[in-house]
N, C-alpha and C. Protein backbone atom coordinates (compact mmCIF):
# COMPACT_ATOMS: atom_id res chain seq x y z
N UNK A 1 13.96 38.12 44.98
CA UNK A 1 13.35 37.08 44.19
C UNK A 1 13.07 35.89 45.10
N UNK A 2 11.84 35.41 45.07
CA UNK A 2 11.48 34.30 45.93
C UNK A 2 12.03 32.98 45.37
N UNK A 3 11.97 31.98 46.22
CA UNK A 3 12.50 30.67 45.85
C UNK A 3 11.69 30.06 44.71
N UNK A 4 10.40 30.24 44.70
CA UNK A 4 9.56 29.68 43.63
C UNK A 4 9.85 30.37 42.29
N UNK A 5 10.11 31.69 42.34
CA UNK A 5 10.47 32.41 41.11
C UNK A 5 11.79 31.89 40.55
N UNK A 6 12.75 31.61 41.42
CA UNK A 6 14.05 31.09 40.99
C UNK A 6 13.88 29.71 40.37
N UNK A 7 13.02 28.89 40.98
CA UNK A 7 12.76 27.56 40.43
C UNK A 7 12.10 27.65 39.06
N UNK A 8 11.14 28.56 38.92
CA UNK A 8 10.47 28.75 37.64
C UNK A 8 11.45 29.21 36.56
N UNK A 9 12.34 30.14 36.95
CA UNK A 9 13.32 30.65 36.01
C UNK A 9 14.28 29.54 35.58
N UNK A 10 14.70 28.71 36.55
CA UNK A 10 15.59 27.59 36.25
C UNK A 10 14.89 26.58 35.34
N UNK A 11 13.62 26.31 35.61
CA UNK A 11 12.86 25.38 34.78
C UNK A 11 12.68 25.93 33.38
N UNK A 12 12.42 27.21 33.27
CA UNK A 12 12.27 27.84 31.96
C UNK A 12 13.57 27.74 31.17
N UNK A 13 14.71 27.96 31.86
CA UNK A 13 16.00 27.85 31.19
C UNK A 13 16.27 26.43 30.72
N UNK A 14 15.97 25.44 31.56
CA UNK A 14 16.22 24.05 31.17
C UNK A 14 15.26 23.60 30.07
N UNK A 15 14.01 24.10 30.13
CA UNK A 15 13.05 23.79 29.07
C UNK A 15 13.50 24.40 27.75
N UNK A 16 13.96 25.63 27.80
CA UNK A 16 14.45 26.30 26.59
C UNK A 16 15.66 25.55 26.04
N UNK A 17 16.56 25.12 26.91
CA UNK A 17 17.74 24.37 26.47
C UNK A 17 17.32 23.05 25.83
N UNK A 18 16.37 22.36 26.41
CA UNK A 18 15.87 21.10 25.84
C UNK A 18 15.24 21.34 24.47
N UNK A 19 14.52 22.43 24.34
CA UNK A 19 13.92 22.76 23.04
C UNK A 19 15.00 23.05 22.01
N UNK A 20 16.07 23.74 22.43
CA UNK A 20 17.17 24.02 21.51
C UNK A 20 17.84 22.73 21.06
N UNK A 21 18.06 21.83 22.00
CA UNK A 21 18.70 20.55 21.67
C UNK A 21 17.81 19.74 20.73
N UNK A 22 16.52 19.64 21.06
CA UNK A 22 15.63 18.86 20.21
C UNK A 22 15.48 19.50 18.83
N UNK A 23 15.49 20.82 18.77
CA UNK A 23 15.41 21.51 17.48
C UNK A 23 16.66 21.25 16.65
N UNK A 24 17.82 21.28 17.28
CA UNK A 24 19.06 21.03 16.52
C UNK A 24 19.13 19.57 16.06
N UNK A 25 18.68 18.65 16.89
CA UNK A 25 18.63 17.24 16.48
C UNK A 25 17.64 17.08 15.34
N UNK A 26 16.50 17.72 15.45
CA UNK A 26 15.50 17.65 14.39
C UNK A 26 16.05 18.21 13.08
N UNK A 27 16.70 19.35 13.15
CA UNK A 27 17.26 19.96 11.94
C UNK A 27 18.32 19.06 11.32
N UNK A 28 19.13 18.45 12.15
CA UNK A 28 20.22 17.62 11.64
C UNK A 28 19.71 16.34 11.01
N UNK A 29 18.69 15.74 11.56
CA UNK A 29 18.24 14.43 11.11
C UNK A 29 16.88 14.43 10.42
N UNK A 30 16.29 15.59 10.16
CA UNK A 30 14.93 15.60 9.64
C UNK A 30 14.82 14.94 8.27
N UNK A 31 15.77 15.15 7.38
CA UNK A 31 15.68 14.51 6.07
C UNK A 31 15.94 13.01 6.17
N UNK A 32 16.80 12.61 7.09
CA UNK A 32 17.03 11.17 7.29
C UNK A 32 15.77 10.50 7.80
N UNK A 33 15.14 11.13 8.76
CA UNK A 33 13.90 10.58 9.31
C UNK A 33 12.79 10.58 8.26
N UNK A 34 12.72 11.65 7.49
CA UNK A 34 11.74 11.71 6.40
C UNK A 34 11.99 10.61 5.38
N UNK A 35 13.24 10.42 5.00
CA UNK A 35 13.57 9.37 4.03
C UNK A 35 13.17 7.99 4.56
N UNK A 36 13.56 7.70 5.79
CA UNK A 36 13.23 6.39 6.37
C UNK A 36 11.72 6.23 6.52
N UNK A 37 11.02 7.30 6.92
CA UNK A 37 9.57 7.18 7.12
C UNK A 37 8.82 7.06 5.81
N UNK A 38 9.43 7.46 4.72
CA UNK A 38 8.80 7.25 3.40
C UNK A 38 9.15 5.90 2.81
N UNK A 39 10.41 5.56 2.82
CA UNK A 39 10.84 4.36 2.10
C UNK A 39 10.51 3.05 2.81
N UNK A 40 10.61 3.02 4.11
CA UNK A 40 10.37 1.75 4.80
C UNK A 40 8.91 1.31 4.69
N UNK A 41 7.92 2.15 5.02
CA UNK A 41 6.53 1.68 4.86
C UNK A 41 6.15 1.35 3.42
N UNK A 42 6.55 2.21 2.47
CA UNK A 42 6.22 1.95 1.07
C UNK A 42 6.94 0.69 0.59
N UNK A 43 8.19 0.54 1.01
CA UNK A 43 8.94 -0.66 0.64
C UNK A 43 8.32 -1.93 1.18
N UNK A 44 7.87 -1.89 2.43
CA UNK A 44 7.23 -3.06 3.04
C UNK A 44 5.94 -3.40 2.29
N UNK A 45 5.18 -2.39 1.95
CA UNK A 45 3.94 -2.64 1.18
C UNK A 45 4.27 -3.30 -0.14
N UNK A 46 5.27 -2.78 -0.85
CA UNK A 46 5.64 -3.37 -2.13
C UNK A 46 6.22 -4.78 -1.99
N UNK A 47 7.00 -5.00 -0.95
CA UNK A 47 7.61 -6.32 -0.75
C UNK A 47 6.55 -7.37 -0.46
N UNK A 48 5.60 -7.05 0.40
CA UNK A 48 4.66 -8.07 0.86
C UNK A 48 3.34 -8.12 0.08
N UNK A 49 2.99 -7.05 -0.62
CA UNK A 49 1.68 -7.03 -1.26
C UNK A 49 1.69 -6.83 -2.77
N UNK A 50 2.84 -6.67 -3.37
CA UNK A 50 2.92 -6.50 -4.82
C UNK A 50 2.68 -7.85 -5.49
N UNK A 51 1.60 -7.96 -6.22
CA UNK A 51 1.22 -9.23 -6.84
C UNK A 51 2.03 -9.54 -8.10
N UNK A 52 2.50 -8.53 -8.79
CA UNK A 52 3.27 -8.74 -10.01
C UNK A 52 4.50 -7.83 -10.00
N UNK A 53 5.48 -8.15 -9.16
CA UNK A 53 6.64 -7.27 -9.07
C UNK A 53 7.49 -7.34 -10.34
N UNK A 54 8.03 -6.22 -10.73
CA UNK A 54 8.94 -6.21 -11.88
C UNK A 54 10.35 -5.99 -11.35
N UNK A 55 11.03 -7.06 -11.14
CA UNK A 55 12.37 -7.02 -10.57
C UNK A 55 13.39 -7.12 -11.70
N UNK A 56 14.38 -6.24 -11.67
CA UNK A 56 15.42 -6.28 -12.69
C UNK A 56 16.33 -7.49 -12.49
N UNK A 57 16.44 -8.32 -13.51
CA UNK A 57 17.34 -9.49 -13.47
C UNK A 57 17.17 -10.29 -12.19
N UNK A 58 15.93 -10.47 -11.78
CA UNK A 58 15.67 -11.07 -10.48
C UNK A 58 16.32 -12.44 -10.32
N UNK A 59 16.09 -13.35 -11.25
CA UNK A 59 16.61 -14.71 -11.08
C UNK A 59 18.13 -14.73 -11.05
N UNK A 60 18.75 -13.89 -11.86
CA UNK A 60 20.21 -13.84 -11.85
C UNK A 60 20.74 -13.36 -10.50
N UNK A 61 20.13 -12.32 -9.96
CA UNK A 61 20.55 -11.81 -8.65
C UNK A 61 20.26 -12.83 -7.55
N UNK A 62 19.11 -13.45 -7.62
CA UNK A 62 18.74 -14.42 -6.59
C UNK A 62 19.66 -15.64 -6.65
N UNK A 63 19.99 -16.11 -7.86
CA UNK A 63 20.92 -17.23 -7.99
C UNK A 63 22.29 -16.87 -7.44
N UNK A 64 22.74 -15.67 -7.70
CA UNK A 64 24.05 -15.22 -7.18
C UNK A 64 24.01 -15.15 -5.66
N UNK A 65 22.94 -14.64 -5.10
CA UNK A 65 22.82 -14.57 -3.63
C UNK A 65 22.81 -15.96 -3.02
N UNK A 66 22.10 -16.89 -3.62
CA UNK A 66 22.08 -18.26 -3.11
C UNK A 66 23.45 -18.92 -3.23
N UNK A 67 24.15 -18.63 -4.31
CA UNK A 67 25.50 -19.16 -4.49
C UNK A 67 26.42 -18.67 -3.38
N UNK A 68 26.34 -17.39 -3.06
CA UNK A 68 27.18 -16.82 -2.00
C UNK A 68 26.77 -17.38 -0.65
N UNK A 69 25.47 -17.54 -0.42
CA UNK A 69 24.99 -18.11 0.85
C UNK A 69 25.48 -19.54 1.03
N UNK A 70 25.68 -20.25 -0.08
CA UNK A 70 26.16 -21.62 -0.01
C UNK A 70 27.68 -21.68 0.18
N UNK A 71 28.34 -20.52 0.20
CA UNK A 71 29.78 -20.50 0.44
C UNK A 71 30.62 -20.40 -0.82
N UNK A 72 29.99 -20.32 -1.97
CA UNK A 72 30.71 -20.19 -3.25
C UNK A 72 30.78 -18.70 -3.58
N UNK A 73 31.90 -18.05 -3.28
CA UNK A 73 32.00 -16.60 -3.44
C UNK A 73 32.31 -16.15 -4.86
N UNK A 74 32.84 -17.04 -5.66
CA UNK A 74 33.11 -16.68 -7.06
C UNK A 74 32.27 -17.56 -7.96
N UNK A 75 31.80 -16.96 -9.03
CA UNK A 75 31.02 -17.73 -10.00
C UNK A 75 31.95 -18.69 -10.73
N UNK A 76 31.40 -19.83 -11.10
CA UNK A 76 32.23 -20.83 -11.78
C UNK A 76 31.99 -20.76 -13.28
N UNK A 77 33.00 -21.09 -14.08
CA UNK A 77 32.80 -21.10 -15.53
C UNK A 77 31.96 -22.31 -15.95
N UNK A 78 31.26 -22.14 -17.05
CA UNK A 78 30.42 -23.21 -17.60
C UNK A 78 31.32 -24.40 -17.95
N UNK A 79 31.00 -25.59 -17.42
CA UNK A 79 31.84 -26.77 -17.73
C UNK A 79 31.87 -27.11 -19.22
N UNK A 80 30.87 -26.70 -19.98
CA UNK A 80 30.85 -27.01 -21.41
C UNK A 80 31.76 -26.10 -22.21
N UNK A 81 32.32 -25.07 -21.56
CA UNK A 81 33.26 -24.19 -22.23
C UNK A 81 32.63 -23.09 -23.07
N UNK A 82 31.40 -22.72 -22.81
CA UNK A 82 30.72 -21.69 -23.60
C UNK A 82 31.16 -20.28 -23.23
N UNK A 83 31.89 -20.13 -22.15
CA UNK A 83 32.31 -18.80 -21.72
C UNK A 83 31.37 -18.15 -20.74
N UNK A 84 30.30 -18.82 -20.38
CA UNK A 84 29.35 -18.30 -19.40
C UNK A 84 29.85 -18.56 -17.98
N UNK A 85 29.35 -17.76 -17.05
CA UNK A 85 29.66 -17.95 -15.64
C UNK A 85 28.37 -18.08 -14.87
N UNK A 86 28.40 -18.86 -13.82
CA UNK A 86 27.21 -19.06 -13.02
C UNK A 86 27.44 -20.08 -11.93
N UNK A 87 26.49 -20.99 -11.77
CA UNK A 87 26.57 -22.01 -10.73
C UNK A 87 25.84 -23.26 -11.20
N UNK A 88 26.13 -24.33 -10.52
CA UNK A 88 25.44 -25.59 -10.80
C UNK A 88 24.31 -25.70 -9.79
N UNK A 89 23.07 -25.85 -10.29
CA UNK A 89 21.91 -25.87 -9.40
C UNK A 89 21.78 -27.20 -8.68
N UNK A 90 20.73 -27.36 -7.91
CA UNK A 90 20.52 -28.56 -7.10
C UNK A 90 20.34 -29.81 -7.94
N UNK A 91 19.87 -29.62 -9.19
CA UNK A 91 19.67 -30.76 -10.08
C UNK A 91 20.93 -31.13 -10.85
N UNK A 92 22.02 -30.41 -10.62
CA UNK A 92 23.27 -30.69 -11.29
C UNK A 92 23.39 -30.04 -12.66
N UNK A 93 22.50 -29.11 -12.96
CA UNK A 93 22.50 -28.42 -14.25
C UNK A 93 23.13 -27.04 -14.06
N UNK A 94 23.99 -26.66 -15.02
CA UNK A 94 24.63 -25.36 -14.96
C UNK A 94 23.64 -24.26 -15.30
N UNK A 95 23.60 -23.21 -14.47
CA UNK A 95 22.76 -22.04 -14.72
C UNK A 95 23.66 -20.83 -14.87
N UNK A 96 23.57 -20.20 -16.02
CA UNK A 96 24.40 -19.02 -16.29
C UNK A 96 23.73 -17.76 -15.74
N UNK A 97 24.52 -16.93 -15.12
CA UNK A 97 24.08 -15.59 -14.73
C UNK A 97 25.27 -14.65 -14.85
N UNK A 98 25.66 -14.44 -16.10
CA UNK A 98 26.84 -13.64 -16.41
C UNK A 98 26.76 -12.22 -15.88
N UNK A 99 25.60 -11.60 -15.97
CA UNK A 99 25.49 -10.19 -15.58
C UNK A 99 25.66 -9.97 -14.08
N UNK A 100 25.44 -10.98 -13.26
CA UNK A 100 25.62 -10.80 -11.81
C UNK A 100 26.82 -11.58 -11.28
N UNK A 101 27.43 -12.39 -12.11
CA UNK A 101 28.56 -13.22 -11.66
C UNK A 101 29.74 -12.37 -11.23
N UNK A 102 29.86 -11.18 -11.78
CA UNK A 102 31.01 -10.33 -11.45
C UNK A 102 30.79 -9.49 -10.19
N UNK A 103 29.59 -9.47 -9.67
CA UNK A 103 29.29 -8.64 -8.49
C UNK A 103 30.01 -9.16 -7.26
N UNK A 104 30.45 -8.21 -6.45
CA UNK A 104 31.13 -8.55 -5.20
C UNK A 104 30.19 -9.30 -4.26
N UNK A 105 30.71 -10.31 -3.57
CA UNK A 105 29.86 -11.01 -2.59
C UNK A 105 29.35 -10.09 -1.49
N UNK A 106 30.12 -9.04 -1.16
CA UNK A 106 29.71 -8.10 -0.11
C UNK A 106 28.35 -7.48 -0.40
N UNK A 107 28.08 -7.19 -1.66
CA UNK A 107 26.84 -6.49 -2.00
C UNK A 107 25.60 -7.35 -1.79
N UNK A 108 25.78 -8.61 -1.56
CA UNK A 108 24.64 -9.51 -1.34
C UNK A 108 24.46 -9.88 0.13
N UNK A 109 25.16 -9.19 1.04
CA UNK A 109 25.08 -9.61 2.44
C UNK A 109 23.66 -9.57 3.02
N UNK A 110 22.78 -8.62 2.68
CA UNK A 110 21.43 -8.70 3.24
C UNK A 110 20.69 -9.96 2.77
N UNK A 111 20.90 -10.33 1.53
CA UNK A 111 20.24 -11.53 1.00
C UNK A 111 20.77 -12.79 1.67
N UNK A 112 22.06 -12.79 1.97
CA UNK A 112 22.65 -13.94 2.65
C UNK A 112 22.08 -14.06 4.06
N UNK A 113 21.91 -12.92 4.75
CA UNK A 113 21.32 -12.94 6.09
C UNK A 113 19.86 -13.38 6.05
N UNK A 114 19.22 -13.24 4.90
CA UNK A 114 17.83 -13.66 4.75
C UNK A 114 17.62 -15.15 4.79
N UNK A 115 18.69 -15.92 4.69
CA UNK A 115 18.62 -17.36 4.83
C UNK A 115 17.84 -18.07 3.73
N UNK A 116 17.80 -17.51 2.54
CA UNK A 116 17.10 -18.16 1.45
C UNK A 116 15.63 -17.84 1.35
N UNK A 117 15.13 -16.98 2.22
CA UNK A 117 13.73 -16.56 2.18
C UNK A 117 13.65 -15.24 1.41
N UNK A 118 12.90 -15.25 0.34
CA UNK A 118 12.85 -14.11 -0.56
C UNK A 118 12.38 -12.84 0.14
N UNK A 119 11.25 -12.89 0.81
CA UNK A 119 10.70 -11.67 1.40
C UNK A 119 11.58 -11.15 2.54
N UNK A 120 12.17 -12.03 3.31
CA UNK A 120 13.07 -11.60 4.37
C UNK A 120 14.32 -10.95 3.76
N UNK A 121 14.82 -11.54 2.68
CA UNK A 121 15.97 -10.95 1.99
C UNK A 121 15.63 -9.58 1.43
N UNK A 122 14.44 -9.45 0.87
CA UNK A 122 13.99 -8.15 0.36
C UNK A 122 13.91 -7.13 1.49
N UNK A 123 13.33 -7.53 2.60
CA UNK A 123 13.19 -6.64 3.75
C UNK A 123 14.55 -6.21 4.30
N UNK A 124 15.47 -7.16 4.42
CA UNK A 124 16.81 -6.82 4.91
C UNK A 124 17.55 -5.91 3.94
N UNK A 125 17.38 -6.15 2.66
CA UNK A 125 18.00 -5.27 1.67
C UNK A 125 17.45 -3.86 1.80
N UNK A 126 16.14 -3.74 1.96
CA UNK A 126 15.51 -2.43 2.15
C UNK A 126 16.05 -1.74 3.41
N UNK A 127 16.12 -2.46 4.51
CA UNK A 127 16.56 -1.86 5.77
C UNK A 127 18.02 -1.42 5.73
N UNK A 128 18.89 -2.27 5.20
CA UNK A 128 20.30 -1.90 5.13
C UNK A 128 20.53 -0.75 4.14
N UNK A 129 19.86 -0.81 3.02
CA UNK A 129 19.99 0.27 2.04
C UNK A 129 19.50 1.59 2.64
N UNK A 130 18.37 1.55 3.33
CA UNK A 130 17.83 2.75 3.97
C UNK A 130 18.78 3.27 5.05
N UNK A 131 19.36 2.37 5.82
CA UNK A 131 20.31 2.77 6.85
C UNK A 131 21.50 3.51 6.25
N UNK A 132 22.07 2.95 5.18
CA UNK A 132 23.22 3.59 4.54
C UNK A 132 22.85 4.96 3.97
N UNK A 133 21.67 5.07 3.39
CA UNK A 133 21.24 6.35 2.83
C UNK A 133 20.99 7.36 3.94
N UNK A 134 20.39 6.94 5.04
CA UNK A 134 20.16 7.86 6.16
C UNK A 134 21.47 8.37 6.74
N UNK A 135 22.46 7.50 6.84
CA UNK A 135 23.78 7.94 7.30
C UNK A 135 24.36 8.94 6.30
N UNK A 136 24.20 8.66 5.02
CA UNK A 136 24.72 9.55 3.98
C UNK A 136 24.04 10.93 4.06
N UNK A 137 22.74 10.94 4.25
CA UNK A 137 22.01 12.22 4.35
C UNK A 137 22.51 13.01 5.56
N UNK A 138 22.69 12.33 6.67
CA UNK A 138 23.16 13.01 7.89
C UNK A 138 24.59 13.50 7.74
N UNK A 139 25.38 12.77 7.01
CA UNK A 139 26.79 13.10 6.86
C UNK A 139 27.04 14.24 5.88
N UNK A 140 26.15 14.43 4.94
CA UNK A 140 26.37 15.37 3.84
C UNK A 140 26.22 16.84 4.22
N UNK A 141 25.86 17.13 5.43
CA UNK A 141 25.70 18.50 5.92
C UNK A 141 24.78 19.33 5.02
N UNK A 142 25.31 20.41 4.44
CA UNK A 142 24.46 21.31 3.65
C UNK A 142 24.04 20.69 2.32
N UNK A 143 24.62 19.57 1.95
CA UNK A 143 24.27 18.89 0.70
C UNK A 143 23.25 17.77 0.93
N UNK A 144 22.65 17.73 2.10
CA UNK A 144 21.73 16.65 2.43
C UNK A 144 20.53 16.57 1.50
N UNK A 145 20.07 17.72 1.01
CA UNK A 145 18.92 17.69 0.10
C UNK A 145 19.27 17.05 -1.25
N UNK A 146 20.51 17.20 -1.67
CA UNK A 146 20.95 16.55 -2.91
C UNK A 146 20.96 15.04 -2.74
N UNK A 147 21.53 14.57 -1.64
CA UNK A 147 21.57 13.13 -1.37
C UNK A 147 20.14 12.59 -1.22
N UNK A 148 19.30 13.34 -0.50
CA UNK A 148 17.90 12.95 -0.34
C UNK A 148 17.21 12.87 -1.70
N UNK A 149 17.43 13.88 -2.54
CA UNK A 149 16.80 13.91 -3.86
C UNK A 149 17.19 12.74 -4.73
N UNK A 150 18.46 12.36 -4.69
CA UNK A 150 18.92 11.20 -5.46
C UNK A 150 18.31 9.92 -4.90
N UNK A 151 18.31 9.80 -3.59
CA UNK A 151 17.83 8.57 -2.95
C UNK A 151 16.33 8.36 -3.12
N UNK A 152 15.59 9.42 -3.31
CA UNK A 152 14.14 9.30 -3.41
C UNK A 152 13.69 9.03 -4.86
N UNK A 153 14.62 9.07 -5.80
CA UNK A 153 14.27 8.78 -7.19
C UNK A 153 13.72 7.35 -7.30
N UNK A 154 12.72 7.14 -8.12
CA UNK A 154 12.12 5.80 -8.24
C UNK A 154 13.11 4.71 -8.61
N UNK A 155 14.04 5.00 -9.51
CA UNK A 155 15.00 3.97 -9.91
C UNK A 155 15.87 3.54 -8.74
N UNK A 156 16.23 4.49 -7.89
CA UNK A 156 17.03 4.19 -6.71
C UNK A 156 16.19 3.41 -5.69
N UNK A 157 14.99 3.91 -5.44
CA UNK A 157 14.13 3.27 -4.44
C UNK A 157 13.74 1.85 -4.85
N UNK A 158 13.35 1.65 -6.09
CA UNK A 158 12.90 0.33 -6.52
C UNK A 158 14.02 -0.70 -6.49
N UNK A 159 15.26 -0.26 -6.66
CA UNK A 159 16.36 -1.22 -6.56
C UNK A 159 16.57 -1.68 -5.11
N UNK A 160 16.10 -0.88 -4.16
CA UNK A 160 16.36 -1.23 -2.76
C UNK A 160 15.30 -2.16 -2.16
N UNK A 161 14.27 -2.49 -2.90
CA UNK A 161 13.25 -3.37 -2.31
C UNK A 161 13.34 -4.81 -2.83
N UNK A 162 14.36 -5.10 -3.60
CA UNK A 162 14.58 -6.46 -4.08
C UNK A 162 16.01 -6.87 -3.76
N UNK A 163 16.24 -8.14 -3.58
CA UNK A 163 17.59 -8.59 -3.19
C UNK A 163 18.57 -8.53 -4.36
N UNK A 164 19.04 -7.33 -4.66
CA UNK A 164 19.99 -7.14 -5.75
C UNK A 164 21.26 -6.52 -5.21
N UNK A 165 22.33 -6.68 -5.96
CA UNK A 165 23.58 -6.01 -5.62
C UNK A 165 23.45 -4.51 -5.84
N UNK A 166 22.54 -4.12 -6.73
CA UNK A 166 22.36 -2.71 -7.06
C UNK A 166 21.97 -1.88 -5.84
N UNK A 167 21.13 -2.42 -4.99
CA UNK A 167 20.66 -1.67 -3.82
C UNK A 167 21.81 -1.28 -2.91
N UNK A 168 22.64 -2.24 -2.57
CA UNK A 168 23.76 -1.96 -1.67
C UNK A 168 24.82 -1.12 -2.38
N UNK A 169 25.05 -1.41 -3.66
CA UNK A 169 26.02 -0.62 -4.42
C UNK A 169 25.59 0.84 -4.48
N UNK A 170 24.33 1.08 -4.78
CA UNK A 170 23.82 2.46 -4.86
C UNK A 170 23.91 3.17 -3.52
N UNK A 171 23.50 2.51 -2.46
CA UNK A 171 23.49 3.18 -1.15
C UNK A 171 24.91 3.40 -0.62
N UNK A 172 25.81 2.46 -0.86
CA UNK A 172 27.21 2.66 -0.45
C UNK A 172 27.84 3.78 -1.28
N UNK A 173 27.47 3.85 -2.56
CA UNK A 173 27.98 4.93 -3.41
C UNK A 173 27.51 6.29 -2.91
N UNK A 174 26.24 6.38 -2.53
CA UNK A 174 25.75 7.65 -1.95
C UNK A 174 26.47 7.97 -0.64
N UNK A 175 26.73 6.95 0.14
CA UNK A 175 27.45 7.16 1.39
C UNK A 175 28.86 7.67 1.11
N UNK A 176 29.51 7.14 0.09
CA UNK A 176 30.84 7.59 -0.28
C UNK A 176 30.81 9.06 -0.75
N UNK A 177 29.85 9.39 -1.60
CA UNK A 177 29.72 10.77 -2.06
C UNK A 177 29.45 11.70 -0.87
N UNK A 178 28.61 11.29 0.03
CA UNK A 178 28.32 12.10 1.22
C UNK A 178 29.57 12.30 2.07
N UNK A 179 30.38 11.26 2.17
CA UNK A 179 31.63 11.37 2.92
C UNK A 179 32.56 12.40 2.26
N UNK A 180 32.66 12.34 0.95
CA UNK A 180 33.49 13.32 0.22
C UNK A 180 32.95 14.73 0.44
N UNK A 181 31.63 14.88 0.36
CA UNK A 181 31.02 16.19 0.60
C UNK A 181 31.25 16.65 2.04
N UNK A 182 31.24 15.72 2.96
CA UNK A 182 31.50 16.03 4.37
C UNK A 182 32.92 16.59 4.53
N UNK A 183 33.87 16.01 3.80
CA UNK A 183 35.26 16.47 3.89
C UNK A 183 35.42 17.83 3.21
N UNK A 184 34.58 18.11 2.24
CA UNK A 184 34.63 19.36 1.51
C UNK A 184 34.18 20.48 2.39
């Protein structure tokens, strides 16, 4: 066997090995990449170009995020004693947001990093939620299609493009389920 034949054989072996590695990486992460490549562009379009967004409890979630960003981690009770919880706004008026007052401050971390800018907070919520879901899909092994199927549902996706606690709660929940499936 000549030296050039040996080199060709070695190159063929290394090329085949590289193809095997890239194929195994592709197989392992293909649904994660597919999920990210679907949700991030569509999410960005909806965040920046949706003229009439329908956000669930938007003002309540946004008020809670602003309260946490200001350093107030727990909602305060209404000073008038009505039983409502919320915050006192810049004008000194109490604003109730009972439905979001109980949410953990952790679930609003992307909105807090947004620095009070709505679209940046939406974008960060989308990116962090997508990251957690991609990790969950990769972690779930043979159950990755189930995690992908849940994550691609419109109700799940639409919660991840607005600064809500629901987006992080849903994606962390999927990550937890994926971890349990991984252990199984």
